Amino acid sequence: MKRRFVVELSTEVELEIDDAVIKTGTSAEWAAQFFKLTETGLAEHLAFNFVINHLNLDEVDGFCDQPRDAARLLVGPEWEIDATRLT
């Protein structure tokens, strides 16, 4: 027998992002190569790559020329996990 579950994972992190990274990540040139981001969209994009993909800034597509510490996690992640059995 197999059982099904819904599992919700959530966390909150705090980032520090250098102005040069924000300028690059929100530029028209970057948008033409990748996709258009606002400042908050860039923060979400970087946080996802830092936490989920375990990347540093210089490993994220489009930021290999940026210093590794130009964007970094300051706080987190501390995960909250909640599972519900469906069957």
PDB file of N, CA and C in Angstrom:
ATOM      1  N   MET A   1       0.844  -1.179   0.000  1.00  0.00           N
ATOM      2  CA  MET A   1       0.000   0.000   0.000  1.00  0.00           C
ATOM      3  C   MET A   1       0.892   1.246   0.000  1.00  0.00           C
ATOM      4  N   LYS A   2       0.479   2.207  -0.754  1.00  0.00           N
ATOM      5  CA  LYS A   2       1.174   3.500  -0.771  1.00  0.00           C
ATOM      6  C   LYS A   2       0.253   4.539  -0.168  1.00  0.00           C
ATOM      7  N   ARG A   3       0.828   5.477   0.524  1.00  0.00           N
ATOM      8  CA  ARG A   3       0.059   6.564   1.131  1.00  0.00           C
ATOM      9  C   ARG A   3       0.511   7.887   0.515  1.00  0.00           C
ATOM     10  N   ARG A   4      -0.408   8.807   0.422  1.00  0.00           N
ATOM     11  CA  ARG A   4      -0.117  10.123  -0.145  1.00  0.00           C
ATOM     12  C   ARG A   4      -0.106  11.162   0.966  1.00  0.00           C
ATOM     13  N   PHE A   5       0.785  12.140   0.810  1.00  0.00           N
ATOM     14  CA  PHE A   5       0.928  13.234   1.772  1.00  0.00           C
ATOM     15  C   PHE A   5       1.081  14.547   1.028  1.00  0.00           C
ATOM     16  N   VAL A   6       0.609  15.595   1.634  1.00  0.00           N
ATOM     17  CA  VAL A   6       0.929  16.949   1.210  1.00  0.00           C
ATOM     18  C   VAL A   6       1.894  17.485   2.253  1.00  0.00           C
ATOM     19  N   VAL A   7       3.026  17.990   1.805  1.00  0.00           N
ATOM     20  CA  VAL A   7       4.027  18.516   2.722  1.00  0.00           C
ATOM     21  C   VAL A   7       4.301  19.962   2.353  1.00  0.00           C
ATOM     22  N   GLU A   8       4.120  20.847   3.299  1.00  0.00           N
ATOM     23  CA  GLU A   8       4.386  22.268   3.092  1.00  0.00           C
ATOM     24  C   GLU A   8       5.719  22.604   3.744  1.00  0.00           C
ATOM     25  N   LEU A   9       6.616  23.169   2.953  1.00  0.00           N
ATOM     26  CA  LEU A   9       7.917  23.613   3.432  1.00  0.00           C
ATOM     27  C   LEU A   9       7.963  25.127   3.339  1.00  0.00           C
ATOM     28  N   SER A  10       8.340  25.774   4.408  1.00  0.00           N
ATOM     29  CA  SER A  10       8.467  27.234   4.341  1.00  0.00           C
ATOM     30  C   SER A  10       9.645  27.684   5.193  1.00  0.00           C
ATOM     31  N   THR A  11      10.238  28.754   4.751  1.00  0.00           N
ATOM     32  CA  THR A  11      11.355  29.341   5.472  1.00  0.00           C
ATOM     33  C   THR A  11      11.420  30.827   5.167  1.00  0.00           C
ATOM     34  N   GLU A  12      12.133  31.537   5.966  1.00  0.00           N
ATOM     35  CA  GLU A  12      12.373  32.966   5.749  1.00  0.00           C
ATOM     36  C   GLU A  12      13.865  33.195   5.875  1.00  0.00           C
ATOM     37  N   VAL A  13      14.415  33.974   4.948  1.00  0.00           N
ATOM     38  CA  VAL A  13      15.836  34.308   4.979  1.00  0.00           C
ATOM     39  C   VAL A  13      15.998  35.814   4.858  1.00  0.00           C
ATOM     40  N   GLU A  14      17.136  36.294   5.259  1.00  0.00           N
ATOM     41  CA  GLU A  14      17.482  37.705   5.080  1.00  0.00           C
ATOM     42  C   GLU A  14      18.728  37.764   4.212  1.00  0.00           C
ATOM     43  N   LEU A  15      18.669  38.585   3.169  1.00  0.00           N
ATOM     44  CA  LEU A  15      19.774  38.733   2.224  1.00  0.00           C
ATOM     45  C   LEU A  15      20.401  40.111   2.328  1.00  0.00           C
ATOM     46  N   GLU A  16      21.667  40.167   1.973  1.00  0.00           N
ATOM     47  CA  GLU A  16      22.362  41.434   1.767  1.00  0.00           C
ATOM     48  C   GLU A  16      22.829  41.414   0.320  1.00  0.00           C
ATOM     49  N   ILE A  17      22.425  42.428  -0.450  1.00  0.00           N
ATOM     50  CA  ILE A  17      22.759  42.472  -1.879  1.00  0.00           C
ATOM     51  C   ILE A  17      23.412  43.816  -2.191  1.00  0.00           C
ATOM     52  N   ASP A  18      24.593  43.773  -2.760  1.00  0.00           N
ATOM     53  CA  ASP A  18      25.327  44.972  -3.146  1.00  0.00           C
ATOM     54  C   ASP A  18      24.580  45.701  -4.264  1.00  0.00           C
ATOM     55  N   ASP A  19      24.661  47.026  -4.269  1.00  0.00           N
ATOM     56  CA  ASP A  19      24.002  47.832  -5.306  1.00  0.00           C
ATOM     57  C   ASP A  19      24.417  47.434  -6.719  1.00  0.00           C
ATOM     58  N   ALA A  20      25.680  47.030  -6.902  1.00  0.00           N
ATOM     59  CA  ALA A  20      26.150  46.633  -8.233  1.00  0.00           C
ATOM     60  C   ALA A  20      25.415  45.381  -8.721  1.00  0.00           C
ATOM     61  N   VAL A  21      25.091  44.473  -7.815  1.00  0.00           N
ATOM     62  CA  VAL A  21      24.347  43.262  -8.183  1.00  0.00           C
ATOM     63  C   VAL A  21      22.917  43.630  -8.552  1.00  0.00           C
ATOM     64  N   ILE A  22      22.320  44.533  -7.798  1.00  0.00           N
ATOM     65  CA  ILE A  22      20.958  44.990  -8.101  1.00  0.00           C
ATOM     66  C   ILE A  22      20.936  45.687  -9.460  1.00  0.00           C
ATOM     67  N   LYS A  23      21.925  46.525  -9.711  1.00  0.00           N
ATOM     68  CA  LYS A  23      21.993  47.222 -11.002  1.00  0.00           C
ATOM     69  C   LYS A  23      22.105  46.220 -12.146  1.00  0.00           C
ATOM     70  N   THR A  24      22.949  45.210 -11.989  1.00  0.00           N
ATOM     71  CA  THR A  24      23.110  44.186 -13.026  1.00  0.00           C
ATOM     72  C   THR A  24      21.831  43.385 -13.207  1.00  0.00           C
ATOM     73  N   GLY A  25      21.270  42.887 -12.106  1.00  0.00           N
ATOM     74  CA  GLY A  25      20.119  41.990 -12.163  1.00  0.00           C
ATOM     75  C   GLY A  25      18.815  42.629 -12.587  1.00  0.00           C
ATOM     76  N   THR A  26      18.741  43.948 -12.524  1.00  0.00           N
ATOM     77  CA  THR A  26      17.522  44.650 -12.936  1.00  0.00           C
ATOM     78  C   THR A  26      17.727  45.440 -14.236  1.00  0.00           C
ATOM     79  N   SER A  27      18.874  45.241 -14.887  1.00  0.00           N
ATOM     80  CA  SER A  27      19.177  45.999 -16.104  1.00  0.00           C
ATOM     81  C   SER A  27      18.466  45.417 -17.326  1.00  0.00           C
ATOM     82  N   ALA A  28      18.309  46.246 -18.341  1.00  0.00           N
ATOM     83  CA  ALA A  28      17.709  45.812 -19.600  1.00  0.00           C
ATOM     84  C   ALA A  28      18.591  44.770 -20.283  1.00  0.00           C
ATOM     85  N   GLU A  29      19.892  44.912 -20.161  1.00  0.00           N
ATOM     86  CA  GLU A  29      20.816  43.949 -20.758  1.00  0.00           C
ATOM     87  C   GLU A  29      20.642  42.571 -20.131  1.00  0.00           C
ATOM     88  N   TRP A  30      20.524  42.543 -18.813  1.00  0.00           N
ATOM     89  CA  TRP A  30      20.332  41.265 -18.107  1.00  0.00           C
ATOM     90  C   TRP A  30      18.985  40.668 -18.485  1.00  0.00           C
ATOM     91  N   ALA A  31      17.958  41.515 -18.544  1.00  0.00           N
ATOM     92  CA  ALA A  31      16.610  41.056 -18.892  1.00  0.00           C
ATOM     93  C   ALA A  31      16.572  40.464 -20.302  1.00  0.00           C
ATOM     94  N   ALA A  32      17.301  41.046 -21.230  1.00  0.00           N
ATOM     95  CA  ALA A  32      17.326  40.546 -22.603  1.00  0.00           C
ATOM     96  C   ALA A  32      17.984  39.165 -22.683  1.00  0.00           C
ATOM     97  N   GLN A  33      18.946  38.925 -21.823  1.00  0.00           N
ATOM     98  CA  GLN A  33      19.673  37.655 -21.818  1.00  0.00           C
ATOM     99  C   GLN A  33      18.944  36.577 -21.020  1.00  0.00           C
ATOM    100  N   PHE A  34      18.295  36.984 -19.921  1.00  0.00           N
ATOM    101  CA  PHE A  34      17.659  36.030 -19.017  1.00  0.00           C
ATOM    102  C   PHE A  34      16.162  36.324 -18.903  1.00  0.00           C
ATOM    103  N   PHE A  35      15.767  37.146 -17.947  1.00  0.00           N
ATOM    104  CA  PHE A  35      14.376  37.571 -17.797  1.00  0.00           C
ATOM    105  C   PHE A  35      14.343  38.820 -16.942  1.00  0.00           C
ATOM    106  N   LYS A  36      13.250  39.576 -17.050  1.00  0.00           N
ATOM    107  CA  LYS A  36      13.133  40.861 -16.367  1.00  0.00           C
ATOM    108  C   LYS A  36      12.847  40.641 -14.884  1.00  0.00           C
ATOM    109  N   LEU A  37      13.604  41.343 -14.051  1.00  0.00           N
ATOM    110  CA  LEU A  37      13.428  41.257 -12.604  1.00  0.00           C
ATOM    111  C   LEU A  37      13.339  42.647 -11.985  1.00  0.00           C
ATOM    112  N   THR A  38      12.497  42.774 -10.983  1.00  0.00           N
ATOM    113  CA  THR A  38      12.492  43.950 -10.126  1.00  0.00           C
ATOM    114  C   THR A  38      13.498  43.688  -9.007  1.00  0.00           C
ATOM    115  N   GLU A  39      13.714  44.660  -8.139  1.00  0.00           N
ATOM    116  CA  GLU A  39      14.615  44.446  -7.001  1.00  0.00           C
ATOM    117  C   GLU A  39      14.129  43.292  -6.129  1.00  0.00           C
ATOM    118  N   THR A  40      12.828  43.253  -5.830  1.00  0.00           N
ATOM    119  CA  THR A  40      12.309  42.171  -4.987  1.00  0.00           C
ATOM    120  C   THR A  40      12.340  40.831  -5.735  1.00  0.00           C
ATOM    121  N   GLY A  41      12.087  40.860  -7.034  1.00  0.00           N
ATOM    122  CA  GLY A  41      12.190  39.643  -7.835  1.00  0.00           C
ATOM    123  C   GLY A  41      13.610  39.108  -7.853  1.00  0.00           C
ATOM    124  N   LEU A  42      14.579  40.009  -7.916  1.00  0.00           N
ATOM    125  CA  LEU A  42      15.983  39.618  -7.869  1.00  0.00           C
ATOM    126  C   LEU A  42      16.306  38.985  -6.512  1.00  0.00           C
ATOM    127  N   ALA A  43      15.830  39.580  -5.442  1.00  0.00           N
ATOM    128  CA  ALA A  43      16.058  39.016  -4.103  1.00  0.00           C
ATOM    129  C   ALA A  43      15.463  37.613  -4.005  1.00  0.00           C
ATOM    130  N   GLU A  44      14.272  37.423  -4.560  1.00  0.00           N
ATOM    131  CA  GLU A  44      13.634  36.102  -4.547  1.00  0.00           C
ATOM    132  C   GLU A  44      14.451  35.106  -5.378  1.00  0.00           C
ATOM    133  N   HIS A  45      14.896  35.538  -6.549  1.00  0.00           N
ATOM    134  CA  HIS A  45      15.688  34.695  -7.444  1.00  0.00           C
ATOM    135  C   HIS A  45      16.987  34.260  -6.760  1.00  0.00           C
ATOM    136  N   LEU A  46      17.672  35.194  -6.146  1.00  0.00           N
ATOM    137  CA  LEU A  46      18.929  34.868  -5.475  1.00  0.00           C
ATOM    138  C   LEU A  46      18.692  33.984  -4.257  1.00  0.00           C
ATOM    139  N   ALA A  47      17.678  34.307  -3.452  1.00  0.00           N
ATOM    140  CA  ALA A  47      17.386  33.495  -2.264  1.00  0.00           C
ATOM    141  C   ALA A  47      17.087  32.051  -2.666  1.00  0.00           C
ATOM    142  N   PHE A  48      16.295  31.863  -3.712  1.00  0.00           N
ATOM    143  CA  PHE A  48      15.986  30.511  -4.193  1.00  0.00           C
ATOM    144  C   PHE A  48      17.264  29.765  -4.559  1.00  0.00           C
ATOM    145  N   ASN A  49      18.134  30.429  -5.320  1.00  0.00           N
ATOM    146  CA  ASN A  49      19.371  29.781  -5.739  1.00  0.00           C
ATOM    147  C   ASN A  49      20.327  29.524  -4.582  1.00  0.00           C
ATOM    148  N   PHE A  50      20.371  30.423  -3.618  1.00  0.00           N
ATOM    149  CA  PHE A  50      21.234  30.224  -2.452  1.00  0.00           C
ATOM    150  C   PHE A  50      20.734  29.067  -1.590  1.00  0.00           C
ATOM    151  N   VAL A  51      19.430  29.026  -1.342  1.00  0.00           N
ATOM    152  CA  VAL A  51      18.867  28.046  -0.407  1.00  0.00           C
ATOM    153  C   VAL A  51      18.575  26.709  -1.074  1.00  0.00           C
ATOM    154  N   ILE A  52      17.851  26.716  -2.168  1.00  0.00           N
ATOM    155  CA  ILE A  52      17.413  25.470  -2.795  1.00  0.00           C
ATOM    156  C   ILE A  52      18.529  24.826  -3.629  1.00  0.00           C
ATOM    157  N   ASN A  53      19.234  25.625  -4.417  1.00  0.00           N
ATOM    158  CA  ASN A  53      20.277  25.081  -5.283  1.00  0.00           C
ATOM    159  C   ASN A  53      21.665  25.086  -4.650  1.00  0.00           C
ATOM    160  N   HIS A  54      21.783  25.640  -3.449  1.00  0.00           N
ATOM    161  CA  HIS A  54      23.060  25.684  -2.706  1.00  0.00           C
ATOM    162  C   HIS A  54      24.167  26.357  -3.516  1.00  0.00           C
ATOM    163  N   LEU A  55      23.819  27.464  -4.190  1.00  0.00           N
ATOM    164  CA  LEU A  55      24.787  28.192  -4.998  1.00  0.00           C
ATOM    165  C   LEU A  55      25.259  29.444  -4.272  1.00  0.00           C
ATOM    166  N   ASN A  56      26.437  29.909  -4.633  1.00  0.00           N
ATOM    167  CA  ASN A  56      26.920  31.230  -4.246  1.00  0.00           C
ATOM    168  C   ASN A  56      26.627  32.175  -5.405  1.00  0.00           C
ATOM    169  N   LEU A  57      26.719  33.469  -5.175  1.00  0.00           N
ATOM    170  CA  LEU A  57      26.381  34.449  -6.201  1.00  0.00           C
ATOM    171  C   LEU A  57      27.123  34.198  -7.505  1.00  0.00           C
ATOM    172  N   ASP A  58      28.425  33.963  -7.431  1.00  0.00           N
ATOM    173  CA  ASP A  58      29.212  33.793  -8.653  1.00  0.00           C
ATOM    174  C   ASP A  58      28.917  32.490  -9.397  1.00  0.00           C
ATOM    175  N   GLU A  59      28.035  31.660  -8.843  1.00  0.00           N
ATOM    176  CA  GLU A  59      27.612  30.428  -9.502  1.00  0.00           C
ATOM    177  C   GLU A  59      26.214  30.553 -10.123  1.00  0.00           C
ATOM    178  N   VAL A  60      25.538  31.668  -9.867  1.00  0.00           N
ATOM    179  CA  VAL A  60      24.203  31.907 -10.418  1.00  0.00           C
ATOM    180  C   VAL A  60      24.356  32.481 -11.826  1.00  0.00           C
ATOM    181  N   ASP A  61      23.599  31.929 -12.793  1.00  0.00           N
ATOM    182  CA  ASP A  61      23.681  32.409 -14.175  1.00  0.00           C
ATOM    183  C   ASP A  61      23.526  33.927 -14.234  1.00  0.00           C
ATOM    184  N   GLY A  62      24.439  34.567 -14.936  1.00  0.00           N
ATOM    185  CA  GLY A  62      24.387  36.003 -15.130  1.00  0.00           C
ATOM    186  C   GLY A  62      25.177  36.802 -14.101  1.00  0.00           C
ATOM    187  N   PHE A  63      25.739  36.121 -13.099  1.00  0.00           N
ATOM    188  CA  PHE A  63      26.462  36.831 -12.036  1.00  0.00           C
ATOM    189  C   PHE A  63      27.874  36.292 -11.808  1.00  0.00           C
ATOM    190  N   CYS A  64      28.407  35.540 -12.769  1.00  0.00           N
ATOM    191  CA  CYS A  64      29.731  34.939 -12.581  1.00  0.00           C
ATOM    192  C   CYS A  64      30.845  35.973 -12.460  1.00  0.00           C
ATOM    193  N   ASP A  65      30.592  37.190 -12.946  1.00  0.00           N
ATOM    194  CA  ASP A  65      31.607  38.243 -12.871  1.00  0.00           C
ATOM    195  C   ASP A  65      31.503  39.059 -11.573  1.00  0.00           C
ATOM    196  N   GLN A  66      30.548  38.726 -10.721  1.00  0.00           N
ATOM    197  CA  GLN A  66      30.356  39.451  -9.463  1.00  0.00           C
ATOM    198  C   GLN A  66      31.118  38.747  -8.336  1.00  0.00           C
ATOM    199  N   PRO A  67      31.654  39.497  -7.393  1.00  0.00           N
ATOM    200  CA  PRO A  67      32.314  38.855  -6.244  1.00  0.00           C
ATOM    201  C   PRO A  67      31.320  37.998  -5.461  1.00  0.00           C
ATOM    202  N   ARG A  68      31.772  36.866  -4.995  1.00  0.00           N
ATOM    203  CA  ARG A  68      30.936  35.906  -4.283  1.00  0.00           C
ATOM    204  C   ARG A  68      30.192  36.542  -3.115  1.00  0.00           C
ATOM    205  N   ASP A  69      30.827  37.467  -2.412  1.00  0.00           N
ATOM    206  CA  ASP A  69      30.200  38.064  -1.221  1.00  0.00           C
ATOM    207  C   ASP A  69      29.393  39.326  -1.521  1.00  0.00           C
ATOM    208  N   ALA A  70      29.159  39.625  -2.806  1.00  0.00           N
ATOM    209  CA  ALA A  70      28.367  40.803  -3.160  1.00  0.00           C
ATOM    210  C   ALA A  70      26.875  40.588  -2.910  1.00  0.00           C
ATOM    211  N   ALA A  71      26.478  39.351  -2.691  1.00  0.00           N
ATOM    212  CA  ALA A  71      25.117  39.023  -2.266  1.00  0.00           C
ATOM    213  C   ALA A  71      25.233  37.759  -1.425  1.00  0.00           C
ATOM    214  N   ARG A  72      24.627  37.787  -0.248  1.00  0.00           N
ATOM    215  CA  ARG A  72      24.766  36.626   0.638  1.00  0.00           C
ATOM    216  C   ARG A  72      23.619  36.565   1.631  1.00  0.00           C
ATOM    217  N   LEU A  73      23.425  35.379   2.170  1.00  0.00           N
ATOM    218  CA  LEU A  73      22.429  35.194   3.220  1.00  0.00           C
ATOM    219  C   LEU A  73      22.977  35.750   4.520  1.00  0.00           C
ATOM    220  N   LEU A  74      22.180  36.534   5.218  1.00  0.00           N
ATOM    221  CA  LEU A  74      22.548  37.019   6.546  1.00  0.00           C
ATOM    222  C   LEU A  74      21.898  36.166   7.632  1.00  0.00           C
ATOM    223  N   VAL A  75      20.646  35.771   7.396  1.00  0.00           N
ATOM    224  CA  VAL A  75      19.884  34.997   8.368  1.00  0.00           C
ATOM    225  C   VAL A  75      19.125  33.903   7.642  1.00  0.00           C
ATOM    226  N   GLY A  76      19.153  32.710   8.206  1.00  0.00           N
ATOM    227  CA  GLY A  76      18.334  31.606   7.716  1.00  0.00           C
ATOM    228  C   GLY A  76      19.113  30.650   6.867  1.00  0.00           C
ATOM    229  N   PRO A  77      18.488  29.678   6.350  1.00  0.00           N
ATOM    230  CA  PRO A  77      17.073  29.361   6.531  1.00  0.00           C
ATOM    231  C   PRO A  77      16.829  28.506   7.775  1.00  0.00           C
ATOM    232  N   GLU A  78      15.698  28.708   8.374  1.00  0.00           N
ATOM    233  CA  GLU A  78      15.186  27.832   9.419  1.00  0.00           C
ATOM    234  C   GLU A  78      13.842  27.340   8.920  1.00  0.00           C
ATOM    235  N   TRP A  79      13.771  26.069   8.625  1.00  0.00           N
ATOM    236  CA  TRP A  79      12.615  25.484   7.954  1.00  0.00           C
ATOM    237  C   TRP A  79      11.475  25.184   8.904  1.00  0.00           C
ATOM    238  N   GLU A  80      10.268  25.406   8.420  1.00  0.00           N
ATOM    239  CA  GLU A  80       9.048  24.916   9.057  1.00  0.00           C
ATOM    240  C   GLU A  80       8.471  23.885   8.102  1.00  0.00           C
ATOM    241  N   ILE A  81       8.177  22.707   8.623  1.00  0.00           N
ATOM    242  CA  ILE A  81       7.679  21.622   7.788  1.00  0.00           C
ATOM    243  C   ILE A  81       6.396  21.080   8.404  1.00  0.00           C
ATOM    244  N   ASP A  82       5.355  20.986   7.575  1.00  0.00           N
ATOM    245  CA  ASP A  82       4.063  20.494   8.025  1.00  0.00           C
ATOM    246  C   ASP A  82       3.537  19.489   7.008  1.00  0.00           C
ATOM    247  N   ALA A  83       3.293  18.261   7.471  1.00  0.00           N
ATOM    248  CA  ALA A  83       2.784  17.222   6.580  1.00  0.00           C
ATOM    249  C   ALA A  83       1.367  16.846   6.956  1.00  0.00           C
ATOM    250  N   THR A  84       0.552  16.569   5.935  1.00  0.00           N
ATOM    251  CA  THR A  84      -0.809  16.109   6.111  1.00  0.00           C
ATOM    252  C   THR A  84      -0.988  14.822   5.313  1.00  0.00           C
ATOM    253  N   ARG A  85      -1.478  13.792   5.964  1.00  0.00           N
ATOM    254  CA  ARG A  85      -1.728  12.529   5.273  1.00  0.00           C
ATOM    255  C   ARG A  85      -3.036  12.636   4.506  1.00  0.00           C
ATOM    256  N   LEU A  86      -2.986  12.294   3.209  1.00  0.00           N
ATOM    257  CA  LEU A  86      -4.173  12.354   2.360  1.00  0.00           C
ATOM    258  C   LEU A  86      -4.876  11.002   2.299  1.00  0.00           C
ATOM    259  N   THR A  87      -4.114   9.922   2.220  1.00  0.00           N
ATOM    260  CA  THR A  87      -4.717   8.585   2.151  1.00  0.00           C
ATOM    261  C   THR A  87      -4.024   7.656   3.121  1.00  0.00           C
TER     262      THR A  87
END
